């Protein structure tokens, strides 16, 4: 299926590349990714959805297919504004439709902030394992703080240039953090997050310093909202809720769901990249929720 490709402007002049896979009359799904990744890397999750839904794919600013922009706009405040701009610009191009925003990690937190601060442009949200940092007096705060601090150091020091896509794919295959990814997703993600250079080598689309800045930003976002504050039907899907088989985002989202009154599914044994670890389960949970809207 061929996509309609176009760009939409953000409030600061940056542009986001949109791909629309049209299915007239179907529920529209807006799908994006997490920090340092790109939506093409989630292909094993979203590609089967093209058969039944009108699908809009996009990368967050300074990621994936988008041109690099100023670091001044690389923060959660601007990401939250971008969510509205992306929806408005897309509707202006292809027309209105009942729509659901499907977000992961960083983009999920951006969508939450957007909903609380501005009012969500969507009819419903599906949030996959947002890095939900609780208030400082919460018993899970220190675990999430330690998690983000480790990610800051890792991102700031990560390799950012590669001789080939194969080199990054091999790293994904060897790393503990991506050991549970579907093998095809390792290749897809390596291709999605790299851009070619004139000398034939490749660099990360999202600069490592920008990736690190977002991990730091998570610690001062102060976003632990009740589901009612989002103002629309919302499904929260988390990594392993026990935390024994996954990162501390799992227990944090389990706590947020129960304290905040969210519709929630925790996936036993799932890590943070649950959509490319367990794509079938993630789709089943999504489709069940969509069927009840």
C-alpha atoms as a PDB file:
ATOM      1  CA  UNK A   1       0.000   0.000   0.000  1.00  0.00           C
ATOM      2  CA  UNK A   2       1.390   3.376  -1.021  1.00  0.00           C
ATOM      3  CA  UNK A   3       1.359   6.215   1.489  1.00  0.00           C
ATOM      4  CA  UNK A   4       0.586   9.870   0.879  1.00  0.00           C
ATOM      5  CA  UNK A   5       3.645  11.721   2.204  1.00  0.00           C
ATOM      6  CA  UNK A   6       3.553  15.369   3.244  1.00  0.00           C
ATOM      7  CA  UNK A   7       4.911  17.714   5.904  1.00  0.00           C
ATOM      8  CA  UNK A   8       3.098  19.821   8.479  1.00  0.00           C
ATOM      9  CA  UNK A   9       4.482  22.888  10.290  1.00  0.00           C
ATOM     10  CA  UNK A  10       4.951  23.172  14.046  1.00  0.00           C
ATOM     11  CA  UNK A  11       4.463  26.355  16.051  1.00  0.00           C
ATOM     12  CA  UNK A  12       8.191  27.186  15.910  1.00  0.00           C
ATOM     13  CA  UNK A  13       8.583  26.545  12.176  1.00  0.00           C
ATOM     14  CA  UNK A  14       9.924  22.986  12.382  1.00  0.00           C
ATOM     15  CA  UNK A  15       8.298  20.497  10.020  1.00  0.00           C
ATOM     16  CA  UNK A  16       7.158  16.943  10.704  1.00  0.00           C
ATOM     17  CA  UNK A  17       6.908  14.371   7.905  1.00  0.00           C
ATOM     18  CA  UNK A  18       3.537  12.601   7.808  1.00  0.00           C
ATOM     19  CA  UNK A  19       2.702   9.345   6.033  1.00  0.00           C
ATOM     20  CA  UNK A  20      -0.969   8.559   5.512  1.00  0.00           C
ATOM     21  CA  UNK A  21      -2.188   5.082   4.578  1.00  0.00           C
ATOM     22  CA  UNK A  22      -5.745   5.822   3.539  1.00  0.00           C
ATOM     23  CA  UNK A  23      -8.710   3.596   4.327  1.00  0.00           C
ATOM     24  CA  UNK A  24     -11.777   5.813   3.827  1.00  0.00           C
ATOM     25  CA  UNK A  25     -14.415   5.503   6.507  1.00  0.00           C
ATOM     26  CA  UNK A  26     -12.190   3.573   8.920  1.00  0.00           C
ATOM     27  CA  UNK A  27     -11.089   4.688  12.361  1.00  0.00           C
ATOM     28  CA  UNK A  28      -7.908   6.766  12.035  1.00  0.00           C
ATOM     29  CA  UNK A  29      -4.838   5.797  14.066  1.00  0.00           C
ATOM     30  CA  UNK A  30      -1.951   8.215  14.617  1.00  0.00           C
ATOM     31  CA  UNK A  31       1.145   6.186  15.534  1.00  0.00           C
ATOM     32  CA  UNK A  32       4.595   7.303  16.691  1.00  0.00           C
ATOM     33  CA  UNK A  33       7.558   6.170  18.836  1.00  0.00           C
ATOM     34  CA  UNK A  34       9.783   6.622  21.878  1.00  0.00           C
ATOM     35  CA  UNK A  35      12.941   8.600  22.653  1.00  0.00           C
ATOM     36  CA  UNK A  36      15.852   7.901  20.311  1.00  0.00           C
ATOM     37  CA  UNK A  37      13.800   5.584  18.114  1.00  0.00           C
ATOM     38  CA  UNK A  38      11.638   6.041  14.989  1.00  0.00           C
ATOM     39  CA  UNK A  39       8.239   4.780  13.918  1.00  0.00           C
ATOM     40  CA  UNK A  40       9.586   2.627  11.059  1.00  0.00           C
ATOM     41  CA  UNK A  41      11.306   0.530  13.708  1.00  0.00           C
ATOM     42  CA  UNK A  42       7.872  -0.473  15.033  1.00  0.00           C
ATOM     43  CA  UNK A  43       6.759  -1.887  11.676  1.00  0.00           C
ATOM     44  CA  UNK A  44       6.013  -5.369  13.018  1.00  0.00           C
ATOM     45  CA  UNK A  45       3.504  -3.730  15.363  1.00  0.00           C
ATOM     46  CA  UNK A  46       1.726  -1.290  13.053  1.00  0.00           C
ATOM     47  CA  UNK A  47       1.913  -2.874   9.591  1.00  0.00           C
ATOM     48  CA  UNK A  48      -0.920  -5.402  10.211  1.00  0.00           C
ATOM     49  CA  UNK A  49      -3.142  -2.501  11.301  1.00  0.00           C
ATOM     50  CA  UNK A  50      -3.116  -1.111   7.749  1.00  0.00           C
ATOM     51  CA  UNK A  51      -5.633  -3.781   6.733  1.00  0.00           C
ATOM     52  CA  UNK A  52      -8.417  -2.398   8.917  1.00  0.00           C
ATOM     53  CA  UNK A  53      -7.600   1.183   9.876  1.00  0.00           C
ATOM     54  CA  UNK A  54      -6.801   4.564   8.363  1.00  0.00           C
ATOM     55  CA  UNK A  55      -3.215   4.987   9.577  1.00  0.00           C
ATOM     56  CA  UNK A  56      -1.097   8.111  10.041  1.00  0.00           C
ATOM     57  CA  UNK A  57       2.583   7.539  10.852  1.00  0.00           C
ATOM     58  CA  UNK A  58       5.018  10.186  12.016  1.00  0.00           C
ATOM     59  CA  UNK A  59       8.307  10.632  13.827  1.00  0.00           C
ATOM     60  CA  UNK A  60       8.703  13.134  16.635  1.00  0.00           C
ATOM     61  CA  UNK A  61      10.936  16.135  15.889  1.00  0.00           C
ATOM     62  CA  UNK A  62      14.648  15.414  15.462  1.00  0.00           C
ATOM     63  CA  UNK A  63      13.888  11.725  14.926  1.00  0.00           C
ATOM     64  CA  UNK A  64      13.557   9.345  12.003  1.00  0.00           C
ATOM     65  CA  UNK A  65      12.587  10.896   8.681  1.00  0.00           C
ATOM     66  CA  UNK A  66      12.458  14.462   9.957  1.00  0.00           C
ATOM     67  CA  UNK A  67      15.201  16.990   9.296  1.00  0.00           C
ATOM     68  CA  UNK A  68      17.153  18.091  12.342  1.00  0.00           C
ATOM     69  CA  UNK A  69      15.979  21.256  14.079  1.00  0.00           C
ATOM     70  CA  UNK A  70      17.178  23.520  16.856  1.00  0.00           C
ATOM     71  CA  UNK A  71      17.725  22.051  20.302  1.00  0.00           C
ATOM     72  CA  UNK A  72      15.675  24.979  21.650  1.00  0.00           C
ATOM     73  CA  UNK A  73      12.486  23.123  20.702  1.00  0.00           C
ATOM     74  CA  UNK A  74      13.593  19.683  21.841  1.00  0.00           C
ATOM     75  CA  UNK A  75      11.682  19.459  25.107  1.00  0.00           C
ATOM     76  CA  UNK A  76       8.420  18.142  26.489  1.00  0.00           C
ATOM     77  CA  UNK A  77       6.746  21.542  26.361  1.00  0.00           C
ATOM     78  CA  UNK A  78       7.263  21.789  22.614  1.00  0.00           C
ATOM     79  CA  UNK A  79       6.497  18.102  22.058  1.00  0.00           C
ATOM     80  CA  UNK A  80       3.110  18.671  23.702  1.00  0.00           C
ATOM     81  CA  UNK A  81       2.406  21.553  21.329  1.00  0.00           C
ATOM     82  CA  UNK A  82       3.597  19.421  18.413  1.00  0.00           C
ATOM     83  CA  UNK A  83       0.921  16.807  19.145  1.00  0.00           C
ATOM     84  CA  UNK A  84      -1.808  19.352  18.433  1.00  0.00           C
ATOM     85  CA  UNK A  85       0.021  20.792  15.411  1.00  0.00           C
ATOM     86  CA  UNK A  86       0.479  17.339  13.876  1.00  0.00           C
ATOM     87  CA  UNK A  87      -3.214  16.557  14.244  1.00  0.00           C
ATOM     88  CA  UNK A  88      -4.326  19.952  12.926  1.00  0.00           C
ATOM     89  CA  UNK A  89      -1.954  19.874   9.971  1.00  0.00           C
ATOM     90  CA  UNK A  90      -2.971  16.356   9.038  1.00  0.00           C
ATOM     91  CA  UNK A  91      -6.691  17.135   9.207  1.00  0.00           C
ATOM     92  CA  UNK A  92      -6.114  20.202   7.035  1.00  0.00           C
ATOM     93  CA  UNK A  93      -4.531  17.953   4.403  1.00  0.00           C
ATOM     94  CA  UNK A  94      -6.684  14.791   4.469  1.00  0.00           C
ATOM     95  CA  UNK A  95      -9.860  15.849   6.255  1.00  0.00           C
ATOM     96  CA  UNK A  96     -11.354  14.995   9.644  1.00  0.00           C
ATOM     97  CA  UNK A  97     -12.035  11.515  11.015  1.00  0.00           C
ATOM     98  CA  UNK A  98     -12.583   9.888  14.373  1.00  0.00           C
ATOM     99  CA  UNK A  99      -9.034   9.366  15.568  1.00  0.00           C
ATOM    100  CA  UNK A 100      -6.964   7.639  18.229  1.00  0.00           C
ATOM    101  CA  UNK A 101      -3.424   8.628  19.166  1.00  0.00           C
ATOM    102  CA  UNK A 102      -1.095   5.674  19.784  1.00  0.00           C
ATOM    103  CA  UNK A 103       2.051   6.737  21.596  1.00  0.00           C
ATOM    104  CA  UNK A 104       5.061   5.043  23.199  1.00  0.00           C
ATOM    105  CA  UNK A 105       7.363   6.181  25.993  1.00  0.00           C
ATOM    106  CA  UNK A 106       8.492   9.793  25.388  1.00  0.00           C
ATOM    107  CA  UNK A 107       5.676  10.468  22.947  1.00  0.00           C
ATOM    108  CA  UNK A 108       3.162   8.973  25.412  1.00  0.00           C
ATOM    109  CA  UNK A 109       4.267  11.468  28.057  1.00  0.00           C
ATOM    110  CA  UNK A 110       4.036  14.211  25.428  1.00  0.00           C
ATOM    111  CA  UNK A 111       0.464  13.174  24.631  1.00  0.00           C
ATOM    112  CA  UNK A 112      -0.422  13.161  28.335  1.00  0.00           C
ATOM    113  CA  UNK A 113       1.010  16.645  28.822  1.00  0.00           C
ATOM    114  CA  UNK A 114      -0.812  17.797  25.689  1.00  0.00           C
ATOM    115  CA  UNK A 115      -4.125  16.482  27.014  1.00  0.00           C
ATOM    116  CA  UNK A 116      -3.723  17.978  30.484  1.00  0.00           C
ATOM    117  CA  UNK A 117      -2.390  21.341  29.323  1.00  0.00           C
ATOM    118  CA  UNK A 118      -4.227  22.001  26.062  1.00  0.00           C
ATOM    119  CA  UNK A 119      -6.943  19.371  25.670  1.00  0.00           C
ATOM    120  CA  UNK A 120      -6.205  16.413  23.409  1.00  0.00           C
ATOM    121  CA  UNK A 121      -7.136  16.703  19.718  1.00  0.00           C
ATOM    122  CA  UNK A 122      -7.872  12.964  19.612  1.00  0.00           C
ATOM    123  CA  UNK A 123     -10.985  10.994  20.474  1.00  0.00           C
ATOM    124  CA  UNK A 124      -8.979   8.501  22.553  1.00  0.00           C
ATOM    125  CA  UNK A 125      -5.390   7.738  23.551  1.00  0.00           C
ATOM    126  CA  UNK A 126      -3.398   4.520  23.821  1.00  0.00           C
ATOM    127  CA  UNK A 127      -0.209   4.968  25.831  1.00  0.00           C
ATOM    128  CA  UNK A 128       2.445   2.258  25.721  1.00  0.00           C
ATOM    129  CA  UNK A 129       4.731   2.277  28.762  1.00  0.00           C
ATOM    130  CA  UNK A 130       5.256   6.003  29.325  1.00  0.00           C
ATOM    131  CA  UNK A 131       8.238   6.708  31.623  1.00  0.00           C
ATOM    132  CA  UNK A 132       5.904   7.763  34.417  1.00  0.00           C
ATOM    133  CA  UNK A 133       7.983   9.383  37.156  1.00  0.00           C
ATOM    134  CA  UNK A 134       5.887   9.647  40.323  1.00  0.00           C
ATOM    135  CA  UNK A 135       6.029  12.482  42.855  1.00  0.00           C
ATOM    136  CA  UNK A 136       9.172  12.576  44.980  1.00  0.00           C
ATOM    137  CA  UNK A 137       7.413  11.250  48.079  1.00  0.00           C
ATOM    138  CA  UNK A 138       6.133   8.189  46.198  1.00  0.00           C
ATOM    139  CA  UNK A 139       7.741   4.814  47.058  1.00  0.00           C
ATOM    140  CA  UNK A 140       8.572   4.215  43.363  1.00  0.00           C
ATOM    141  CA  UNK A 141      10.213   7.601  42.755  1.00  0.00           C
ATOM    142  CA  UNK A 142      13.800   6.546  43.478  1.00  0.00           C
ATOM    143  CA  UNK A 143      13.598   3.520  41.177  1.00  0.00           C
ATOM    144  CA  UNK A 144      12.403   5.690  38.296  1.00  0.00           C
ATOM    145  CA  UNK A 145      14.966   8.389  39.061  1.00  0.00           C
ATOM    146  CA  UNK A 146      17.776   5.842  39.010  1.00  0.00           C
ATOM    147  CA  UNK A 147      16.418   4.424  35.739  1.00  0.00           C
ATOM    148  CA  UNK A 148      16.431   7.839  34.057  1.00  0.00           C
ATOM    149  CA  UNK A 149      19.878   8.758  35.412  1.00  0.00           C
ATOM    150  CA  UNK A 150      21.322   5.570  33.926  1.00  0.00           C
ATOM    151  CA  UNK A 151      19.680   6.339  30.577  1.00  0.00           C
ATOM    152  CA  UNK A 152      21.091   9.883  30.586  1.00  0.00           C
ATOM    153  CA  UNK A 153      24.637   8.564  30.990  1.00  0.00           C
ATOM    154  CA  UNK A 154      24.099   5.813  28.426  1.00  0.00           C
ATOM    155  CA  UNK A 155      22.625   8.142  25.786  1.00  0.00           C
ATOM    156  CA  UNK A 156      25.249  10.865  26.232  1.00  0.00           C
ATOM    157  CA  UNK A 157      28.051   8.348  25.779  1.00  0.00           C
ATOM    158  CA  UNK A 158      26.565   6.093  23.107  1.00  0.00           C
ATOM    159  CA  UNK A 159      28.172   5.552  19.715  1.00  0.00           C
ATOM    160  CA  UNK A 160      26.607   7.975  17.254  1.00  0.00           C
ATOM    161  CA  UNK A 161      28.305   7.121  13.936  1.00  0.00           C
ATOM    162  CA  UNK A 162      28.351   3.762  12.208  1.00  0.00           C
ATOM    163  CA  UNK A 163      30.104   2.278   9.212  1.00  0.00           C
ATOM    164  CA  UNK A 164      26.891   0.535   8.185  1.00  0.00           C
ATOM    165  CA  UNK A 165      23.339  -0.235   9.244  1.00  0.00           C
ATOM    166  CA  UNK A 166      24.576  -3.763   9.937  1.00  0.00           C
ATOM    167  CA  UNK A 167      26.828  -2.417  12.688  1.00  0.00           C
ATOM    168  CA  UNK A 168      23.927  -0.966  14.674  1.00  0.00           C
ATOM    169  CA  UNK A 169      21.761  -4.010  14.007  1.00  0.00           C
ATOM    170  CA  UNK A 170      24.529  -6.170  15.472  1.00  0.00           C
ATOM    171  CA  UNK A 171      24.617  -3.977  18.573  1.00  0.00           C
ATOM    172  CA  UNK A 172      20.870  -4.386  19.025  1.00  0.00           C
ATOM    173  CA  UNK A 173      21.300  -8.154  18.685  1.00  0.00           C
ATOM    174  CA  UNK A 174      24.026  -8.260  21.327  1.00  0.00           C
ATOM    175  CA  UNK A 175      22.665  -5.769  23.870  1.00  0.00           C
ATOM    176  CA  UNK A 176      20.725  -6.968  26.894  1.00  0.00           C
ATOM    177  CA  UNK A 177      18.201  -4.130  26.567  1.00  0.00           C
ATOM    178  CA  UNK A 178      17.135  -5.250  23.092  1.00  0.00           C
ATOM    179  CA  UNK A 179      17.583  -9.002  23.538  1.00  0.00           C
ATOM    180  CA  UNK A 180      13.816  -9.560  23.582  1.00  0.00           C
ATOM    181  CA  UNK A 181      13.090  -7.532  20.468  1.00  0.00           C
ATOM    182  CA  UNK A 182      11.707  -9.421  17.500  1.00  0.00           C
ATOM    183  CA  UNK A 183      14.696 -10.118  15.179  1.00  0.00           C
ATOM    184  CA  UNK A 184      13.068  -8.242  12.289  1.00  0.00           C
ATOM    185  CA  UNK A 185      12.570  -5.221  14.547  1.00  0.00           C
ATOM    186  CA  UNK A 186      16.311  -4.998  15.163  1.00  0.00           C
ATOM    187  CA  UNK A 187      16.918  -4.513  11.453  1.00  0.00           C
ATOM    188  CA  UNK A 188      13.939  -2.205  11.045  1.00  0.00           C
ATOM    189  CA  UNK A 189      15.022  -0.029  13.956  1.00  0.00           C
ATOM    190  CA  UNK A 190      18.632   0.181  12.808  1.00  0.00           C
ATOM    191  CA  UNK A 191      17.457   1.424   9.412  1.00  0.00           C
ATOM    192  CA  UNK A 192      14.914   3.780  10.979  1.00  0.00           C
ATOM    193  CA  UNK A 193      17.206   5.645  13.375  1.00  0.00           C
ATOM    194  CA  UNK A 194      20.175   6.176  11.032  1.00  0.00           C
ATOM    195  CA  UNK A 195      20.662   8.693   8.255  1.00  0.00           C
ATOM    196  CA  UNK A 196      23.372   8.402   5.583  1.00  0.00           C
ATOM    197  CA  UNK A 197      26.357  10.740   5.421  1.00  0.00           C
ATOM    198  CA  UNK A 198      28.242  11.888   2.331  1.00  0.00           C
ATOM    199  CA  UNK A 199      31.187   9.586   3.055  1.00  0.00           C
ATOM    200  CA  UNK A 200      28.982   6.485   3.032  1.00  0.00           C
ATOM    201  CA  UNK A 201      28.782   6.117   6.806  1.00  0.00           C
ATOM    202  CA  UNK A 202      25.704   6.725   8.975  1.00  0.00           C
ATOM    203  CA  UNK A 203      24.780   8.846  11.980  1.00  0.00           C
ATOM    204  CA  UNK A 204      21.926   8.796  14.468  1.00  0.00           C
ATOM    205  CA  UNK A 205      18.940  10.841  13.315  1.00  0.00           C
ATOM    206  CA  UNK A 206      18.382  11.932  16.901  1.00  0.00           C
ATOM    207  CA  UNK A 207      21.594  13.376  18.288  1.00  0.00           C
ATOM    208  CA  UNK A 208      22.687  11.554  21.418  1.00  0.00           C
ATOM    209  CA  UNK A 209      22.771  14.792  23.410  1.00  0.00           C
ATOM    210  CA  UNK A 210      19.127  15.462  22.534  1.00  0.00           C
ATOM    211  CA  UNK A 211      18.175  11.936  23.530  1.00  0.00           C
ATOM    212  CA  UNK A 212      19.930  12.394  26.881  1.00  0.00           C
ATOM    213  CA  UNK A 213      18.182  15.731  27.440  1.00  0.00           C
ATOM    214  CA  UNK A 214      14.764  14.075  27.198  1.00  0.00           C
ATOM    215  CA  UNK A 215      15.688  11.451  29.789  1.00  0.00           C
ATOM    216  CA  UNK A 216      16.694  14.319  32.075  1.00  0.00           C
ATOM    217  CA  UNK A 217      13.492  16.187  31.257  1.00  0.00           C
ATOM    218  CA  UNK A 218      11.419  13.244  32.444  1.00  0.00           C
ATOM    219  CA  UNK A 219      12.615  13.881  35.999  1.00  0.00           C
ATOM    220  CA  UNK A 220      11.227  17.418  36.128  1.00  0.00           C
ATOM    221  CA  UNK A 221       8.057  16.933  34.096  1.00  0.00           C
ATOM    222  CA  UNK A 222       5.952  16.563  37.271  1.00  0.00           C
ATOM    223  CA  UNK A 223       3.242  14.662  35.433  1.00  0.00           C
ATOM    224  CA  UNK A 224       1.324  12.036  37.429  1.00  0.00           C
ATOM    225  CA  UNK A 225      -2.237  12.835  36.353  1.00  0.00           C
ATOM    226  CA  UNK A 226      -5.522  11.200  37.180  1.00  0.00           C
ATOM    227  CA  UNK A 227      -7.077   9.638  34.089  1.00  0.00           C
ATOM    228  CA  UNK A 228      -9.928  12.127  34.412  1.00  0.00           C
ATOM    229  CA  UNK A 229      -7.466  14.999  33.925  1.00  0.00           C
ATOM    230  CA  UNK A 230      -6.731  13.791  30.387  1.00  0.00           C
ATOM    231  CA  UNK A 231     -10.357  14.323  29.453  1.00  0.00           C
ATOM    232  CA  UNK A 232     -10.816  11.446  27.000  1.00  0.00           C
ATOM    233  CA  UNK A 233     -10.871   7.624  26.945  1.00  0.00           C
ATOM    234  CA  UNK A 234      -7.330   6.422  27.601  1.00  0.00           C
ATOM    235  CA  UNK A 235      -5.745   2.982  27.640  1.00  0.00           C
ATOM    236  CA  UNK A 236      -2.471   2.586  29.520  1.00  0.00           C
ATOM    237  CA  UNK A 237      -0.381  -0.445  28.518  1.00  0.00           C
ATOM    238  CA  UNK A 238       2.644  -1.155  30.676  1.00  0.00           C
ATOM    239  CA  UNK A 239       5.742  -3.315  30.789  1.00  0.00           C
ATOM    240  CA  UNK A 240       5.939  -6.183  33.283  1.00  0.00           C
ATOM    241  CA  UNK A 241       4.028  -4.835  36.302  1.00  0.00           C
ATOM    242  CA  UNK A 242       6.123  -6.721  38.847  1.00  0.00           C
ATOM    243  CA  UNK A 243       9.380  -5.177  37.647  1.00  0.00           C
ATOM    244  CA  UNK A 244      11.118  -8.545  38.003  1.00  0.00           C
ATOM    245  CA  UNK A 245      11.123  -9.207  34.249  1.00  0.00           C
ATOM    246  CA  UNK A 246      11.294  -5.648  32.996  1.00  0.00           C
ATOM    247  CA  UNK A 247      12.230  -2.046  33.811  1.00  0.00           C
ATOM    248  CA  UNK A 248      10.811   0.089  36.658  1.00  0.00           C
ATOM    249  CA  UNK A 249       8.439   1.713  34.181  1.00  0.00           C
ATOM    250  CA  UNK A 250       6.292  -1.414  34.608  1.00  0.00           C
ATOM    251  CA  UNK A 251       5.612  -0.994  38.338  1.00  0.00           C
ATOM    252  CA  UNK A 252       5.377   2.795  37.915  1.00  0.00           C
ATOM    253  CA  UNK A 253       2.624   2.510  35.313  1.00  0.00           C
ATOM    254  CA  UNK A 254       0.868  -0.164  37.369  1.00  0.00           C
ATOM    255  CA  UNK A 255       0.822   2.307  40.271  1.00  0.00           C
ATOM    256  CA  UNK A 256      -0.284   5.211  38.068  1.00  0.00           C
ATOM    257  CA  UNK A 257      -3.123   3.128  36.666  1.00  0.00           C
ATOM    258  CA  UNK A 258      -4.455   2.102  40.052  1.00  0.00           C
ATOM    259  CA  UNK A 259      -3.953   5.474  41.723  1.00  0.00           C
ATOM    260  CA  UNK A 260      -5.235   7.414  38.714  1.00  0.00           C
ATOM    261  CA  UNK A 261      -8.160   5.270  37.581  1.00  0.00           C
ATOM    262  CA  UNK A 262      -6.842   4.298  34.141  1.00  0.00           C
ATOM    263  CA  UNK A 263      -8.011   1.478  31.923  1.00  0.00           C
ATOM    264  CA  UNK A 264      -4.849  -0.604  32.111  1.00  0.00           C
ATOM    265  CA  UNK A 265      -3.084  -3.711  30.862  1.00  0.00           C
ATOM    266  CA  UNK A 266       0.292  -4.782  32.226  1.00  0.00           C
ATOM    267  CA  UNK A 267       2.063  -7.348  30.062  1.00  0.00           C
ATOM    268  CA  UNK A 268       3.922  -9.986  32.064  1.00  0.00           C
ATOM    269  CA  UNK A 269       7.492 -10.436  30.917  1.00  0.00           C
ATOM    270  CA  UNK A 270       7.470  -7.370  28.661  1.00  0.00           C
ATOM    271  CA  UNK A 271      10.234  -4.786  28.613  1.00  0.00           C
ATOM    272  CA  UNK A 272       9.984  -1.109  27.727  1.00  0.00           C
ATOM    273  CA  UNK A 273       9.913  -1.747  23.952  1.00  0.00           C
ATOM    274  CA  UNK A 274       6.880  -3.974  24.381  1.00  0.00           C
ATOM    275  CA  UNK A 275       5.415  -3.249  20.929  1.00  0.00           C
ATOM    276  CA  UNK A 276       8.413  -4.830  19.221  1.00  0.00           C
ATOM    277  CA  UNK A 277       8.910  -7.525  21.846  1.00  0.00           C
ATOM    278  CA  UNK A 278       5.309  -8.726  21.948  1.00  0.00           C
ATOM    279  CA  UNK A 279       3.620  -7.124  18.913  1.00  0.00           C
ATOM    280  CA  UNK A 280       0.735  -9.589  18.702  1.00  0.00           C
ATOM    281  CA  UNK A 281      -0.322  -9.094  22.325  1.00  0.00           C
ATOM    282  CA  UNK A 282       0.066  -5.320  22.029  1.00  0.00           C
ATOM    283  CA  UNK A 283      -2.153  -5.294  18.929  1.00  0.00           C
ATOM    284  CA  UNK A 284      -4.767  -7.547  20.536  1.00  0.00           C
ATOM    285  CA  UNK A 285      -5.048  -5.234  23.538  1.00  0.00           C
ATOM    286  CA  UNK A 286      -5.254  -2.219  21.224  1.00  0.00           C
ATOM    287  CA  UNK A 287      -7.906  -3.699  18.922  1.00  0.00           C
ATOM    288  CA  UNK A 288     -10.051  -4.745  21.883  1.00  0.00           C
ATOM    289  CA  UNK A 289      -9.940  -1.181  23.228  1.00  0.00           C
ATOM    290  CA  UNK A 290     -10.705   0.329  19.814  1.00  0.00           C
ATOM    291  CA  UNK A 291     -13.707  -1.955  19.456  1.00  0.00           C
ATOM    292  CA  UNK A 292     -15.217  -0.515  22.615  1.00  0.00           C
ATOM    293  CA  UNK A 293     -14.949   3.157  21.653  1.00  0.00           C
END
